[in-house]
């Protein structure tokens, strides 16, 4: 017996897909290799990040995670720029 999808299910699946894509985009900006699920899930399972894998998160958790990840990215970029440019190595020649 084939059970047809309800329109609500299709909308929910589309929203879930869009939110996961947005999360993956932010994770990629952070420097995580998003071509390997192992790296994505290891990053996500860190208690300081989300505490669970991307597939375990529901729509509400994803919606609240996106601003958190954006905040982490903003802080990371600010820290990188606050440190300033790396000093150049000066090659000394013998006289």
N, C-alpha and C. Protein backbone atom coordinates (compact mmCIF):
# COMPACT_ATOMS: atom_id res chain seq x y z
N UNK A 1 0.83 -1.18 0.00
CA UNK A 1 0.00 0.00 0.00
C UNK A 1 0.89 1.25 0.00
N UNK A 2 0.61 2.16 -0.89
CA UNK A 2 1.37 3.39 -1.01
C UNK A 2 0.64 4.48 -0.21
N UNK A 3 1.41 5.11 0.69
CA UNK A 3 0.84 6.19 1.50
C UNK A 3 1.28 7.51 0.87
N UNK A 4 0.35 8.31 0.39
CA UNK A 4 0.74 9.59 -0.23
C UNK A 4 1.23 10.59 0.82
N UNK A 5 2.14 11.44 0.38
CA UNK A 5 2.63 12.50 1.26
C UNK A 5 1.56 13.57 1.41
N UNK A 6 1.51 14.11 2.59
CA UNK A 6 0.63 15.26 2.83
C UNK A 6 1.41 16.51 2.43
N UNK A 7 0.71 17.55 1.98
CA UNK A 7 1.42 18.79 1.63
C UNK A 7 2.24 19.34 2.78
N UNK A 8 1.78 19.17 4.03
CA UNK A 8 2.53 19.67 5.19
C UNK A 8 3.87 18.94 5.30
N UNK A 9 3.87 17.63 5.02
CA UNK A 9 5.10 16.86 5.09
C UNK A 9 6.11 17.35 4.06
N UNK A 10 5.63 17.64 2.86
CA UNK A 10 6.52 18.12 1.81
C UNK A 10 7.10 19.48 2.16
N UNK A 11 6.27 20.36 2.71
CA UNK A 11 6.76 21.69 3.12
C UNK A 11 7.79 21.55 4.25
N UNK A 12 7.50 20.66 5.19
CA UNK A 12 8.41 20.46 6.31
C UNK A 12 9.75 19.90 5.82
N UNK A 13 9.71 18.96 4.89
CA UNK A 13 10.93 18.39 4.34
C UNK A 13 11.74 19.45 3.58
N UNK A 14 11.06 20.30 2.83
CA UNK A 14 11.74 21.37 2.09
C UNK A 14 12.39 22.36 3.06
N UNK A 15 11.69 22.70 4.13
CA UNK A 15 12.24 23.63 5.12
C UNK A 15 13.45 23.01 5.82
N UNK A 16 13.35 21.74 6.17
CA UNK A 16 14.44 21.03 6.81
C UNK A 16 15.68 21.01 5.91
N UNK A 17 15.45 20.74 4.64
CA UNK A 17 16.55 20.70 3.67
C UNK A 17 17.21 22.08 3.55
N UNK A 18 16.42 23.14 3.49
CA UNK A 18 16.95 24.49 3.36
C UNK A 18 17.75 24.89 4.62
N UNK A 19 17.24 24.53 5.78
CA UNK A 19 17.94 24.86 7.03
C UNK A 19 19.25 24.09 7.15
N UNK A 20 19.24 22.81 6.79
CA UNK A 20 20.48 22.03 6.83
C UNK A 20 21.51 22.59 5.85
N UNK A 21 21.05 23.02 4.70
CA UNK A 21 21.94 23.62 3.72
C UNK A 21 22.56 24.91 4.27
N UNK A 22 21.77 25.72 4.95
CA UNK A 22 22.27 26.96 5.55
C UNK A 22 23.31 26.66 6.63
N UNK A 23 23.06 25.62 7.42
CA UNK A 23 24.02 25.23 8.45
C UNK A 23 25.32 24.74 7.81
N UNK A 24 25.21 23.91 6.80
CA UNK A 24 26.40 23.40 6.12
C UNK A 24 27.22 24.54 5.52
N UNK A 25 26.54 25.54 4.98
CA UNK A 25 27.24 26.69 4.41
C UNK A 25 28.07 27.41 5.48
N UNK A 26 27.49 27.61 6.65
CA UNK A 26 28.20 28.30 7.74
C UNK A 26 29.34 27.44 8.28
N UNK A 27 29.12 26.15 8.36
CA UNK A 27 30.18 25.25 8.83
C UNK A 27 31.35 25.27 7.86
N UNK A 28 31.03 25.30 6.57
CA UNK A 28 32.08 25.35 5.55
C UNK A 28 32.88 26.64 5.67
N UNK A 29 32.22 27.75 5.94
CA UNK A 29 32.93 29.02 6.14
C UNK A 29 33.87 28.95 7.33
N UNK A 30 33.50 28.15 8.32
CA UNK A 30 34.32 27.99 9.52
C UNK A 30 35.57 27.16 9.23
N UNK A 31 35.56 26.42 8.12
CA UNK A 31 36.73 25.66 7.72
C UNK A 31 36.58 24.16 7.83
N UNK A 32 35.38 23.68 8.10
CA UNK A 32 35.13 22.24 8.20
C UNK A 32 34.89 21.69 6.80
N UNK A 33 35.50 20.54 6.51
CA UNK A 33 35.29 19.88 5.21
C UNK A 33 33.88 19.29 5.18
N UNK A 34 32.98 19.94 4.45
CA UNK A 34 31.59 19.50 4.43
C UNK A 34 31.33 18.41 3.39
N UNK A 35 32.38 17.95 2.71
CA UNK A 35 32.20 16.84 1.77
C UNK A 35 32.24 15.50 2.49
N UNK A 36 32.65 15.50 3.75
CA UNK A 36 32.72 14.28 4.56
C UNK A 36 31.82 14.43 5.77
N UNK A 37 30.79 13.59 5.87
CA UNK A 37 29.84 13.68 6.98
C UNK A 37 30.51 13.44 8.32
N UNK A 38 31.58 12.65 8.34
CA UNK A 38 32.29 12.37 9.58
C UNK A 38 32.80 13.69 10.20
N UNK A 39 33.37 14.55 9.39
CA UNK A 39 33.89 15.83 9.89
C UNK A 39 32.76 16.75 10.33
N UNK A 40 31.69 16.78 9.54
CA UNK A 40 30.54 17.62 9.87
C UNK A 40 29.95 17.19 11.21
N UNK A 41 29.71 15.90 11.36
CA UNK A 41 29.09 15.41 12.59
C UNK A 41 30.01 15.53 13.80
N UNK A 42 31.32 15.33 13.60
CA UNK A 42 32.26 15.54 14.72
C UNK A 42 32.21 16.98 15.19
N UNK A 43 32.18 17.91 14.25
CA UNK A 43 32.10 19.33 14.60
C UNK A 43 30.79 19.64 15.32
N UNK A 44 29.69 19.14 14.77
CA UNK A 44 28.36 19.42 15.34
C UNK A 44 28.19 18.80 16.73
N UNK A 45 28.77 17.63 16.96
CA UNK A 45 28.60 16.93 18.23
C UNK A 45 29.38 17.56 19.38
N UNK A 46 30.28 18.47 19.06
CA UNK A 46 31.01 19.16 20.12
C UNK A 46 30.00 19.89 21.00
N UNK A 47 30.05 19.69 22.32
CA UNK A 47 29.06 20.34 23.20
C UNK A 47 29.06 21.86 23.11
N UNK A 48 30.18 22.45 22.72
CA UNK A 48 30.23 23.91 22.58
C UNK A 48 29.54 24.39 21.30
N UNK A 49 29.31 23.47 20.37
CA UNK A 49 28.67 23.83 19.11
C UNK A 49 27.19 23.49 19.17
N UNK A 50 26.83 22.22 18.98
CA UNK A 50 25.41 21.85 19.01
C UNK A 50 25.12 20.68 19.95
N UNK A 51 26.11 19.81 20.15
CA UNK A 51 25.90 18.68 21.04
C UNK A 51 25.23 17.49 20.39
N UNK A 52 24.91 17.59 19.11
CA UNK A 52 24.31 16.47 18.37
C UNK A 52 24.61 16.63 16.90
N UNK A 53 24.45 15.55 16.16
CA UNK A 53 24.76 15.60 14.73
C UNK A 53 23.70 16.39 13.97
N UNK A 54 24.03 16.77 12.77
CA UNK A 54 23.12 17.56 11.94
C UNK A 54 21.82 16.81 11.68
N UNK A 55 21.90 15.51 11.45
CA UNK A 55 20.71 14.71 11.17
C UNK A 55 19.79 14.54 12.37
N UNK A 56 20.31 14.74 13.57
CA UNK A 56 19.52 14.60 14.78
C UNK A 56 18.76 15.87 15.15
N UNK A 57 19.10 16.97 14.49
CA UNK A 57 18.48 18.25 14.84
C UNK A 57 17.15 18.44 14.11
N UNK A 58 16.15 18.94 14.83
CA UNK A 58 14.86 19.21 14.21
C UNK A 58 14.82 20.65 13.71
N UNK A 59 13.71 21.04 13.12
CA UNK A 59 13.59 22.36 12.51
C UNK A 59 13.83 23.48 13.51
N UNK A 60 13.23 23.39 14.68
CA UNK A 60 13.39 24.45 15.69
C UNK A 60 14.84 24.57 16.15
N UNK A 61 15.51 23.43 16.33
CA UNK A 61 16.91 23.47 16.75
C UNK A 61 17.79 24.08 15.66
N UNK A 62 17.49 23.74 14.41
CA UNK A 62 18.26 24.32 13.31
C UNK A 62 18.05 25.82 13.21
N UNK A 63 16.81 26.26 13.40
CA UNK A 63 16.51 27.70 13.34
C UNK A 63 17.27 28.45 14.43
N UNK A 64 17.39 27.87 15.60
CA UNK A 64 18.11 28.56 16.68
C UNK A 64 19.62 28.40 16.53
N UNK A 65 20.07 27.37 15.82
CA UNK A 65 21.50 27.14 15.65
C UNK A 65 22.12 28.08 14.63
N UNK A 66 21.39 28.46 13.61
CA UNK A 66 21.95 29.31 12.55
C UNK A 66 22.48 30.64 13.09
N UNK A 67 21.72 31.37 13.92
CA UNK A 67 22.29 32.60 14.48
C UNK A 67 23.49 32.33 15.40
N UNK A 68 23.47 31.21 16.11
CA UNK A 68 24.60 30.85 16.98
C UNK A 68 25.85 30.64 16.13
N UNK A 69 25.71 29.91 15.02
CA UNK A 69 26.85 29.65 14.15
C UNK A 69 27.34 30.93 13.50
N UNK A 70 26.43 31.82 13.14
CA UNK A 70 26.83 33.11 12.58
C UNK A 70 27.61 33.92 13.60
N UNK A 71 27.20 33.85 14.86
CA UNK A 71 27.90 34.54 15.93
C UNK A 71 29.31 33.98 16.13
N UNK A 72 29.42 32.66 16.08
CA UNK A 72 30.73 32.02 16.21
C UNK A 72 31.64 32.47 15.07
N UNK A 73 31.10 32.52 13.85
CA UNK A 73 31.89 32.97 12.69
C UNK A 73 32.33 34.41 12.84
N UNK A 74 31.43 35.28 13.30
CA UNK A 74 31.75 36.69 13.47
C UNK A 74 32.87 36.85 14.50
N UNK A 75 32.77 36.14 15.61
CA UNK A 75 33.79 36.22 16.65
C UNK A 75 35.12 35.68 16.14
N UNK A 76 35.08 34.58 15.41
CA UNK A 76 36.31 34.00 14.87
C UNK A 76 37.00 34.98 13.91
N UNK A 77 36.23 35.61 13.04
CA UNK A 77 36.81 36.58 12.10
C UNK A 77 37.35 37.80 12.84
N UNK A 78 36.65 38.26 13.86
CA UNK A 78 37.11 39.40 14.65
C UNK A 78 38.42 39.07 15.35
N UNK A 79 38.52 37.86 15.89
CA UNK A 79 39.75 37.44 16.57
C UNK A 79 40.91 37.37 15.60
N UNK A 80 40.65 36.89 14.39
CA UNK A 80 41.72 36.80 13.39
C UNK A 80 42.23 38.19 13.01
N UNK A 81 41.31 39.13 12.82
CA UNK A 81 41.71 40.47 12.41
C UNK A 81 42.30 41.26 13.56
N UNK A 82 41.88 40.99 14.78
CA UNK A 82 42.41 41.71 15.94
C UNK A 82 43.87 41.35 16.17
N UNK A 83 44.24 40.13 15.82
CA UNK A 83 45.62 39.71 15.99
C UNK A 83 46.54 40.43 15.01
N UNK A 84 45.98 40.98 13.96
CA UNK A 84 46.77 41.71 12.97
C UNK A 84 47.47 40.76 12.02
N UNK A 85 48.16 41.34 11.07
CA UNK A 85 48.86 40.49 10.09
C UNK A 85 50.02 39.76 10.75
N UNK A 86 50.34 38.62 10.20
CA UNK A 86 51.47 37.86 10.72
C UNK A 86 52.75 38.61 10.37
N UNK A 87 53.69 38.64 11.30
CA UNK A 87 54.94 39.35 11.00
C UNK A 87 55.71 38.63 9.90
N UNK A 88 56.34 39.42 9.06
CA UNK A 88 57.12 38.84 7.97
C UNK A 88 58.46 38.39 8.51
N UNK A 89 58.92 37.27 7.99
CA UNK A 89 60.25 36.78 8.38
C UNK A 89 61.29 37.54 7.58
N UNK A 90 62.27 38.01 8.28
CA UNK A 90 63.34 38.75 7.63
C UNK A 90 64.52 37.81 7.46
N UNK A 91 64.93 37.68 6.24
CA UNK A 91 66.08 36.82 5.96
C UNK A 91 67.34 37.64 6.12
N UNK A 92 68.18 37.19 6.99
CA UNK A 92 69.45 37.92 7.22
C UNK A 92 70.54 37.32 6.33
N UNK A 93 71.28 38.18 5.78
CA UNK A 93 72.39 37.72 4.94
C UNK A 93 73.68 37.92 5.70
N UNK A 94 74.61 37.06 5.47
CA UNK A 94 75.91 37.19 6.14
C UNK A 94 76.74 38.19 5.37
N UNK A 95 77.39 39.04 6.11
CA UNK A 95 78.21 40.06 5.47
C UNK A 95 79.66 39.71 5.51
